N, C-alpha and C. Protein backbone atom coordinates (compact mmCIF):
# COMPACT_ATOMS: atom_id res chain seq x y z
N UNK A 1 15.27 76.73 178.82
CA UNK A 1 15.16 75.53 179.22
C UNK A 1 13.77 74.99 178.86
N UNK A 2 13.50 73.64 178.43
CA UNK A 2 11.92 73.21 178.17
C UNK A 2 12.05 72.22 179.42
N UNK A 3 10.90 72.19 180.32
CA UNK A 3 10.46 71.55 181.03
C UNK A 3 10.04 70.06 180.88
N UNK A 4 10.58 69.00 181.14
CA UNK A 4 10.58 67.72 180.77
C UNK A 4 10.01 66.69 182.44
N UNK A 5 9.00 66.13 181.96
CA UNK A 5 8.46 65.09 183.09
C UNK A 5 9.10 64.41 184.01
N UNK A 6 10.06 63.48 182.76
CA UNK A 6 10.95 62.64 183.38
C UNK A 6 11.74 63.11 184.27
N UNK A 7 12.35 64.23 183.76
CA UNK A 7 13.60 64.92 184.62
C UNK A 7 12.81 65.29 186.06
N UNK A 8 11.93 66.03 186.31
CA UNK A 8 11.02 66.19 187.10
C UNK A 8 10.34 65.04 188.29
N UNK A 9 10.10 63.91 187.79
CA UNK A 9 9.91 63.05 188.43
C UNK A 9 11.20 62.37 188.82
N UNK A 10 12.67 62.32 188.34
CA UNK A 10 13.72 62.26 188.73
C UNK A 10 13.90 62.65 189.60
N UNK A 11 13.95 63.96 189.71
CA UNK A 11 14.43 64.86 190.38
C UNK A 11 13.59 64.76 192.19
N UNK A 12 12.23 65.04 192.00
CA UNK A 12 11.71 64.52 193.21
C UNK A 12 11.86 63.09 194.00
N UNK A 13 12.34 62.10 193.05
CA UNK A 13 12.44 60.96 193.42
C UNK A 13 13.75 60.99 194.36
N UNK A 14 14.98 61.85 193.98
CA UNK A 14 15.96 62.00 194.52
C UNK A 14 15.78 62.88 195.97
N UNK A 15 14.24 63.23 195.73
CA UNK A 15 14.37 64.62 197.29
C UNK A 15 13.38 63.79 198.14
N UNK A 16 13.15 61.63 197.59
CA UNK A 16 12.42 61.04 198.84
C UNK A 16 11.03 61.00 198.42
N UNK A 17 10.67 61.27 196.90
CA UNK A 17 9.28 60.93 196.85
C UNK A 17 9.80 59.06 196.33
N UNK A 18 8.44 58.42 196.42
CA UNK A 18 7.36 58.51 196.90
C UNK A 18 7.23 58.48 198.69
N UNK A 19 8.17 58.10 199.43
CA UNK A 19 7.84 58.52 200.84
C UNK A 19 7.77 59.18 201.49
N UNK A 20 8.35 60.23 200.79
CA UNK A 20 7.99 61.38 201.36
C UNK A 20 6.97 62.23 200.63
N UNK A 21 5.68 62.62 201.52
CA UNK A 21 4.88 63.13 200.42
C UNK A 21 4.68 64.55 200.42
N UNK A 22 5.29 65.12 201.10
CA UNK A 22 5.90 66.49 200.17
C UNK A 22 6.47 66.95 199.19
N UNK A 23 7.42 65.69 198.70
CA UNK A 23 7.86 65.82 197.77
C UNK A 23 6.95 65.19 196.52
N UNK A 24 6.22 64.30 196.79
CA UNK A 24 5.41 64.13 195.92
C UNK A 24 4.43 65.74 195.37
N UNK A 25 3.94 66.17 196.95
CA UNK A 25 2.96 66.87 196.49
C UNK A 25 3.75 68.17 195.44
N UNK A 26 4.73 68.58 196.00
CA UNK A 26 5.82 69.54 195.27
C UNK A 26 5.81 69.01 193.89
N UNK A 27 6.05 67.55 193.32
CA UNK A 27 6.33 67.38 192.16
C UNK A 27 4.78 67.62 191.32
N UNK A 28 3.54 67.20 191.86
CA UNK A 28 2.10 67.40 191.39
C UNK A 28 2.00 68.87 191.46
N UNK A 29 2.31 69.73 192.35
CA UNK A 29 2.04 71.07 191.92
C UNK A 29 3.02 71.56 190.65
N UNK A 30 3.92 71.35 190.53
CA UNK A 30 5.06 71.49 189.65
C UNK A 30 4.37 71.28 188.20
N UNK A 31 3.97 69.94 188.19
CA UNK A 31 2.98 69.10 187.07
C UNK A 31 1.94 70.28 186.61
N UNK A 32 1.00 70.48 187.94
CA UNK A 32 -0.09 71.40 187.65
C UNK A 32 0.23 72.66 187.11
N UNK A 33 1.36 73.29 187.28
CA UNK A 33 1.63 74.64 187.00
C UNK A 33 2.18 74.64 185.52
N UNK A 34 3.06 73.60 185.16
CA UNK A 34 3.46 73.16 183.68
C UNK A 34 2.36 73.03 182.72
N UNK A 35 0.93 72.56 183.59
CA UNK A 35 -0.07 71.89 182.66
C UNK A 35 -1.28 73.20 182.46
N UNK A 36 -1.06 74.13 182.89
CA UNK A 36 -2.20 75.41 182.59
C UNK A 36 -3.04 75.39 183.90
N UNK A 37 -2.55 74.68 185.22
CA UNK A 37 -3.19 75.04 186.36
C UNK A 37 -3.85 73.63 186.54
N UNK A 38 -3.97 72.65 185.92
CA UNK A 38 -4.44 71.20 186.34
C UNK A 38 -3.71 70.32 185.97
N UNK A 39 -3.91 68.97 186.65
CA UNK A 39 -3.04 67.81 186.20
C UNK A 39 -3.69 66.81 185.38
N UNK A 40 -2.81 66.70 183.96
CA UNK A 40 -4.04 65.72 183.28
C UNK A 40 -3.90 64.47 183.58
N UNK A 41 -4.94 63.85 183.52
CA UNK A 41 -4.83 62.28 184.11
C UNK A 41 -3.90 61.26 183.41
N UNK A 42 -3.60 61.65 182.00
CA UNK A 42 -2.68 60.94 181.59
C UNK A 42 -1.33 60.88 182.36
N UNK A 43 -0.53 62.07 182.88
CA UNK A 43 0.50 61.59 183.56
C UNK A 43 0.73 61.13 184.70
N UNK A 44 -0.46 60.60 185.29
CA UNK A 44 -0.12 60.06 186.62
C UNK A 44 0.49 58.45 186.43
N UNK A 45 0.40 57.95 185.29
CA UNK A 45 0.65 56.60 185.35
C UNK A 45 2.50 56.66 185.05
N UNK A 46 2.55 57.73 183.99
CA UNK A 46 4.21 57.73 183.99
C UNK A 46 4.23 58.45 185.35
N UNK A 47 4.38 59.09 185.98
CA UNK A 47 4.94 59.37 187.25
C UNK A 47 4.77 58.46 188.27
N UNK A 48 3.88 57.56 188.34
CA UNK A 48 3.60 56.63 189.23
C UNK A 48 4.51 55.66 188.72
N UNK A 49 5.01 55.07 187.93
CA UNK A 49 6.07 54.59 187.14
C UNK A 49 7.38 54.69 187.74
N UNK A 50 7.63 56.06 187.60
CA UNK A 50 8.84 56.83 187.58
C UNK A 50 9.41 56.69 189.28
N UNK A 51 8.19 57.02 189.82
CA UNK A 51 8.44 56.68 191.22
C UNK A 51 8.36 55.56 192.15
N UNK A 52 7.85 54.65 191.21
CA UNK A 52 7.79 53.03 191.91
C UNK A 52 6.62 52.75 192.87
N UNK A 53 5.38 53.83 192.32
CA UNK A 53 4.16 53.78 193.32
C UNK A 53 3.23 53.22 192.76
N UNK A 54 1.99 53.23 193.15
CA UNK A 54 0.70 52.75 192.35
C UNK A 54 0.01 54.24 192.13
N UNK A 55 -0.46 54.50 191.10
CA UNK A 55 -1.38 55.83 190.59
C UNK A 55 -2.32 55.79 191.56
N UNK A 56 -3.27 54.81 192.32
CA UNK A 56 -3.92 55.06 193.40
C UNK A 56 -3.35 56.03 194.28
N UNK A 57 -2.27 56.22 194.64
CA UNK A 57 -1.55 56.82 195.56
C UNK A 57 -1.48 58.24 195.38
N UNK A 58 -1.14 58.46 194.06
CA UNK A 58 -1.31 59.98 193.51
C UNK A 58 -2.65 60.44 193.64
N UNK A 59 -3.81 59.86 192.83
CA UNK A 59 -5.10 60.16 192.99
C UNK A 59 -5.42 60.51 194.46
N UNK A 60 -4.87 59.62 195.38
CA UNK A 60 -5.29 60.36 196.73
C UNK A 60 -4.80 61.24 197.43
N UNK A 61 -3.65 61.37 197.18
CA UNK A 61 -3.23 62.88 197.52
C UNK A 61 -3.69 63.85 196.80
N UNK A 62 -4.11 64.10 195.45
CA UNK A 62 -4.73 64.99 194.61
C UNK A 62 -6.13 65.28 195.48
N UNK A 63 -6.84 64.12 195.87
CA UNK A 63 -7.96 64.20 196.46
C UNK A 63 -7.92 65.15 197.69
N UNK A 64 -6.55 64.95 198.24
CA UNK A 64 -6.75 65.15 199.44
C UNK A 64 -5.99 66.76 199.89
N UNK A 65 -5.23 67.57 198.83
CA UNK A 65 -4.91 68.55 198.86
C UNK A 65 -5.93 69.35 197.84
N UNK A 66 -6.45 70.44 198.57
CA UNK A 66 -7.49 71.25 197.89
C UNK A 66 -6.97 72.30 196.90
N UNK A 67 -5.48 72.16 196.74
CA UNK A 67 -5.10 73.19 195.76
C UNK A 67 -4.91 72.35 194.56
N UNK A 68 -4.78 71.29 194.48
CA UNK A 68 -4.30 70.31 193.20
C UNK A 68 -5.57 69.84 192.41
N UNK A 69 -5.54 69.84 191.32
CA UNK A 69 -6.70 69.31 190.48
C UNK A 69 -6.66 68.75 189.16
N UNK A 70 -7.14 67.60 188.93
CA UNK A 70 -6.84 67.08 188.08
C UNK A 70 -7.82 67.79 186.63
N UNK A 71 -6.80 67.77 185.62
CA UNK A 71 -8.08 68.43 184.43
C UNK A 71 -9.42 67.95 184.26
N UNK A 72 -9.86 68.90 183.79
CA UNK A 72 -11.49 68.63 183.54
C UNK A 72 -12.36 68.28 184.80
N UNK A 73 -11.67 68.45 186.43
CA UNK A 73 -12.44 68.22 187.37
C UNK A 73 -12.63 69.44 187.81
N UNK A 74 -13.39 69.54 188.69
CA UNK A 74 -13.89 70.63 189.67
C UNK A 74 -13.82 69.91 191.36
N UNK A 75 -13.62 70.68 192.37
CA UNK A 75 -13.87 70.37 193.62
C UNK A 75 -14.85 70.98 194.49
N UNK A 76 -15.76 70.57 195.11
CA UNK A 76 -16.82 71.21 195.86
C UNK A 76 -16.70 70.34 197.09
N UNK A 77 -16.12 71.22 198.19
CA UNK A 77 -16.19 71.06 199.73
C UNK A 77 -17.48 71.40 200.31
N UNK A 78 -18.37 70.62 200.87
CA UNK A 78 -19.37 71.02 201.89
C UNK A 78 -18.75 71.04 203.37
N UNK A 79 -19.29 72.15 203.95
CA UNK A 79 -19.13 72.59 205.17
C UNK A 79 -20.05 71.21 205.68
N UNK A 80 -19.64 70.27 207.02
CA UNK A 80 -20.10 69.28 207.85
C UNK A 80 -20.24 69.41 208.92
N UNK A 81 -20.09 70.96 209.37
CA UNK A 81 -20.19 71.42 210.83
C UNK A 81 -21.64 71.24 211.19
N UNK A 82 -21.51 71.56 212.81
CA UNK A 82 -22.93 71.30 213.70
C UNK A 82 -24.12 72.00 212.98
N UNK A 83 -23.88 73.31 212.40
CA UNK A 83 -24.80 74.22 211.49
C UNK A 83 -24.99 73.67 210.23
N UNK A 84 -24.01 73.65 209.56
CA UNK A 84 -24.22 73.74 207.79
C UNK A 84 -24.30 72.35 207.38
N UNK A 85 -23.93 71.26 208.57
CA UNK A 85 -24.47 69.78 208.20
C UNK A 85 -25.58 69.10 208.32
N UNK A 86 -26.86 70.45 209.04
CA UNK A 86 -28.29 70.46 208.96
C UNK A 86 -28.71 70.25 207.90
N UNK A 87 -28.08 71.19 206.56
CA UNK A 87 -28.62 71.33 205.35
C UNK A 87 -28.42 70.16 204.59
N UNK A 88 -29.11 69.11 204.87
CA UNK A 88 -28.74 67.82 204.13
C UNK A 88 -29.53 67.69 202.71
N UNK A 89 -30.67 68.33 202.16
CA UNK A 89 -31.13 68.68 201.02
C UNK A 89 -30.19 69.00 200.20
N UNK A 90 -29.17 70.33 200.81
CA UNK A 90 -28.29 70.92 199.85
C UNK A 90 -27.29 69.81 199.69
N UNK A 91 -26.89 69.31 200.28
CA UNK A 91 -25.78 68.49 200.19
C UNK A 91 -26.36 67.04 199.15
N UNK A 92 -27.78 66.72 199.18
CA UNK A 92 -28.19 65.77 198.58
C UNK A 92 -27.85 66.13 197.01
N UNK A 93 -28.78 67.54 197.01
CA UNK A 93 -28.74 68.11 195.76
C UNK A 93 -27.52 68.14 194.80
N UNK A 94 -26.78 68.53 195.73
CA UNK A 94 -25.27 68.49 194.97
C UNK A 94 -24.69 67.01 194.45
N UNK A 95 -25.06 66.25 195.34
CA UNK A 95 -24.87 65.02 194.75
C UNK A 95 -25.17 64.36 193.86
N UNK A 96 -26.50 64.85 193.91
CA UNK A 96 -27.30 64.34 192.49
C UNK A 96 -26.99 65.40 191.19
N UNK A 97 -26.51 66.65 191.44
CA UNK A 97 -26.27 67.32 190.56
C UNK A 97 -25.03 67.27 189.90
N UNK A 98 -23.99 66.80 190.53
CA UNK A 98 -22.80 66.44 190.34
C UNK A 98 -22.44 65.50 189.67
N UNK A 99 -23.26 64.48 190.01
CA UNK A 99 -23.08 62.91 189.68
C UNK A 99 -22.60 62.79 188.25
N UNK A 100 -21.31 62.13 187.67
CA UNK A 100 -21.04 61.98 186.62
C UNK A 100 -20.50 62.70 186.08
N UNK A 101 -19.99 64.28 186.42
CA UNK A 101 -20.21 65.34 185.61
C UNK A 101 -18.46 65.92 185.99
N UNK A 102 -17.76 64.98 186.58
CA UNK A 102 -16.36 65.25 187.22
C UNK A 102 -16.15 66.52 188.28
N UNK A 103 -16.79 66.56 188.75
CA UNK A 103 -16.92 67.11 190.13
C UNK A 103 -16.02 66.04 191.56
N UNK A 104 -15.38 66.45 191.86
CA UNK A 104 -15.14 65.69 193.08
C UNK A 104 -15.92 66.42 194.62
N UNK A 105 -16.78 65.52 195.01
CA UNK A 105 -17.43 65.92 196.06
C UNK A 105 -16.63 65.64 197.44
N UNK A 106 -16.28 66.73 198.36
CA UNK A 106 -15.87 66.30 199.49
C UNK A 106 -16.68 67.25 200.78
N UNK A 107 -16.67 66.47 201.71
CA UNK A 107 -17.54 66.73 203.20
C UNK A 107 -16.36 67.25 204.21
N UNK A 108 -16.38 68.50 204.77
CA UNK A 108 -15.25 68.88 205.29
C UNK A 108 -15.34 69.28 206.79
N UNK A 109 -14.64 69.41 207.58
CA UNK A 109 -15.09 69.76 208.97
C UNK A 109 -15.45 71.14 208.93
N UNK A 110 -16.11 71.60 210.18
CA UNK A 110 -16.46 72.76 210.14
C UNK A 110 -15.43 74.07 209.67
N UNK A 111 -16.12 74.74 208.71
CA UNK A 111 -15.48 76.05 208.30
C UNK A 111 -15.42 77.18 208.66
N UNK A 112 -15.86 77.14 210.39
CA UNK A 112 -16.11 78.08 210.81
C UNK A 112 -16.61 79.88 210.60
N UNK A 113 -17.84 79.56 210.00
CA UNK A 113 -18.26 80.63 209.59
C UNK A 113 -19.66 80.17 209.48
N UNK A 114 -19.86 79.70 210.64
CA UNK A 114 -21.24 79.54 211.15
C UNK A 114 -22.74 80.38 210.81
N UNK A 115 -22.43 81.64 211.16
CA UNK A 115 -22.97 82.34 211.05
C UNK A 115 -23.32 82.72 209.41
N UNK A 116 -22.73 82.32 208.76
CA UNK A 116 -22.74 82.74 207.31
C UNK A 116 -23.26 81.27 206.26
N UNK A 117 -23.56 80.58 207.11
CA UNK A 117 -23.86 79.01 206.10
C UNK A 117 -25.15 79.17 205.75
N UNK A 118 -25.34 78.05 204.85
CA UNK A 118 -24.36 77.16 204.87
C UNK A 118 -23.22 77.19 203.86
N UNK A 119 -21.90 77.25 204.28
CA UNK A 119 -20.86 77.23 203.49
C UNK A 119 -20.07 75.85 202.66
N UNK A 120 -19.55 76.35 201.54
CA UNK A 120 -18.94 75.53 200.70
C UNK A 120 -17.64 76.11 200.29
N UNK A 121 -16.85 75.47 199.59
CA UNK A 121 -15.92 75.89 198.62
C UNK A 121 -16.23 75.29 197.38
N UNK A 122 -16.08 76.07 196.13
CA UNK A 122 -16.28 75.54 194.85
C UNK A 122 -14.45 75.74 193.97
N UNK A 123 -13.46 74.55 193.77
CA UNK A 123 -12.19 74.84 193.69
C UNK A 123 -11.48 76.08 194.49
N UNK A 124 -11.78 75.78 195.33
CA UNK A 124 -10.84 76.53 196.49
C UNK A 124 -11.70 77.67 196.93
N UNK A 125 -12.55 78.13 196.38
CA UNK A 125 -12.86 79.78 196.77
C UNK A 125 -14.40 79.22 197.88
N UNK A 126 -14.21 80.22 198.68
CA UNK A 126 -15.57 79.95 200.00
C UNK A 126 -16.60 80.85 199.29
N UNK A 127 -17.85 79.96 199.90
CA UNK A 127 -19.08 80.71 199.24
C UNK A 127 -19.64 80.53 200.67
N UNK A 128 -20.87 81.69 200.95
CA UNK A 128 -21.49 81.67 202.18
C UNK A 128 -23.07 81.57 201.87
N UNK A 129 -23.71 81.14 202.69
CA UNK A 129 -25.19 81.26 202.53
C UNK A 129 -25.57 80.45 200.84
N UNK A 130 -24.91 79.48 200.84
CA UNK A 130 -25.38 78.29 199.87
C UNK A 130 -26.51 78.06 199.73
N UNK A 131 -27.12 77.96 198.49
CA UNK A 131 -28.51 77.30 198.09
C UNK A 131 -27.98 76.71 196.59
N UNK A 132 -29.70 76.19 196.36
CA UNK A 132 -29.71 75.74 195.08
C UNK A 132 -29.30 76.33 193.72
N UNK A 133 -29.33 77.75 193.81
CA UNK A 133 -29.31 78.56 192.76
C UNK A 133 -27.58 78.57 192.33
N UNK A 134 -26.88 78.77 193.64
CA UNK A 134 -25.58 78.78 193.36
C UNK A 134 -24.90 77.37 192.80
N UNK A 135 -25.80 76.41 193.28
CA UNK A 135 -24.95 75.02 192.82
C UNK A 135 -25.53 75.16 191.54
N UNK A 136 -26.65 75.53 191.16
CA UNK A 136 -26.96 75.55 189.69
C UNK A 136 -25.96 76.55 188.76
N UNK A 137 -25.36 77.33 189.28
CA UNK A 137 -24.84 78.46 188.72
C UNK A 137 -23.13 77.48 188.15
N UNK A 138 -23.02 76.75 189.16
CA UNK A 138 -21.63 75.71 189.03
C UNK A 138 -22.21 74.90 188.22
N UNK A 139 -22.75 74.28 187.97
CA UNK A 139 -23.40 73.27 187.19
C UNK A 139 -23.05 74.28 185.58
N UNK A 140 -23.76 75.43 185.58
CA UNK A 140 -23.34 75.81 184.23
C UNK A 140 -22.28 76.00 183.47
N UNK A 141 -21.16 76.13 184.68
CA UNK A 141 -19.95 76.36 184.23
C UNK A 141 -19.27 74.94 183.73
N UNK A 142 -19.77 73.93 184.11
CA UNK A 142 -19.12 72.83 183.30
C UNK A 142 -19.23 72.88 182.03
């Protein structure tokens, strides 16, 4: 049986989407799985229309859930805890390196790895002792 976006949207709508965000998240995870590990931007409009909601809601959910990825985008999460948050030069460098490159930068609460900081997550993978060389290695992957 072939997977069909319209059928998936209808199924999750019957499960309570969009008022039940867990149903929306499940739908987005299924879309991501069916599209090789990322959600193509062009599917957000038909999903939103099928659910009777706005595309901006879907984008907000994708940005909030670390395991969800838009196609051709990466997610950089910087620890903003009391120790890591002091490394403002690293955050400033990240902002300048990845601006306009399809990278979502998020500042998250303390990752509770203070002794190993500064800490960050790149596409869900945690890195310790982050520095300029690490950020530049991510940039080279783009």
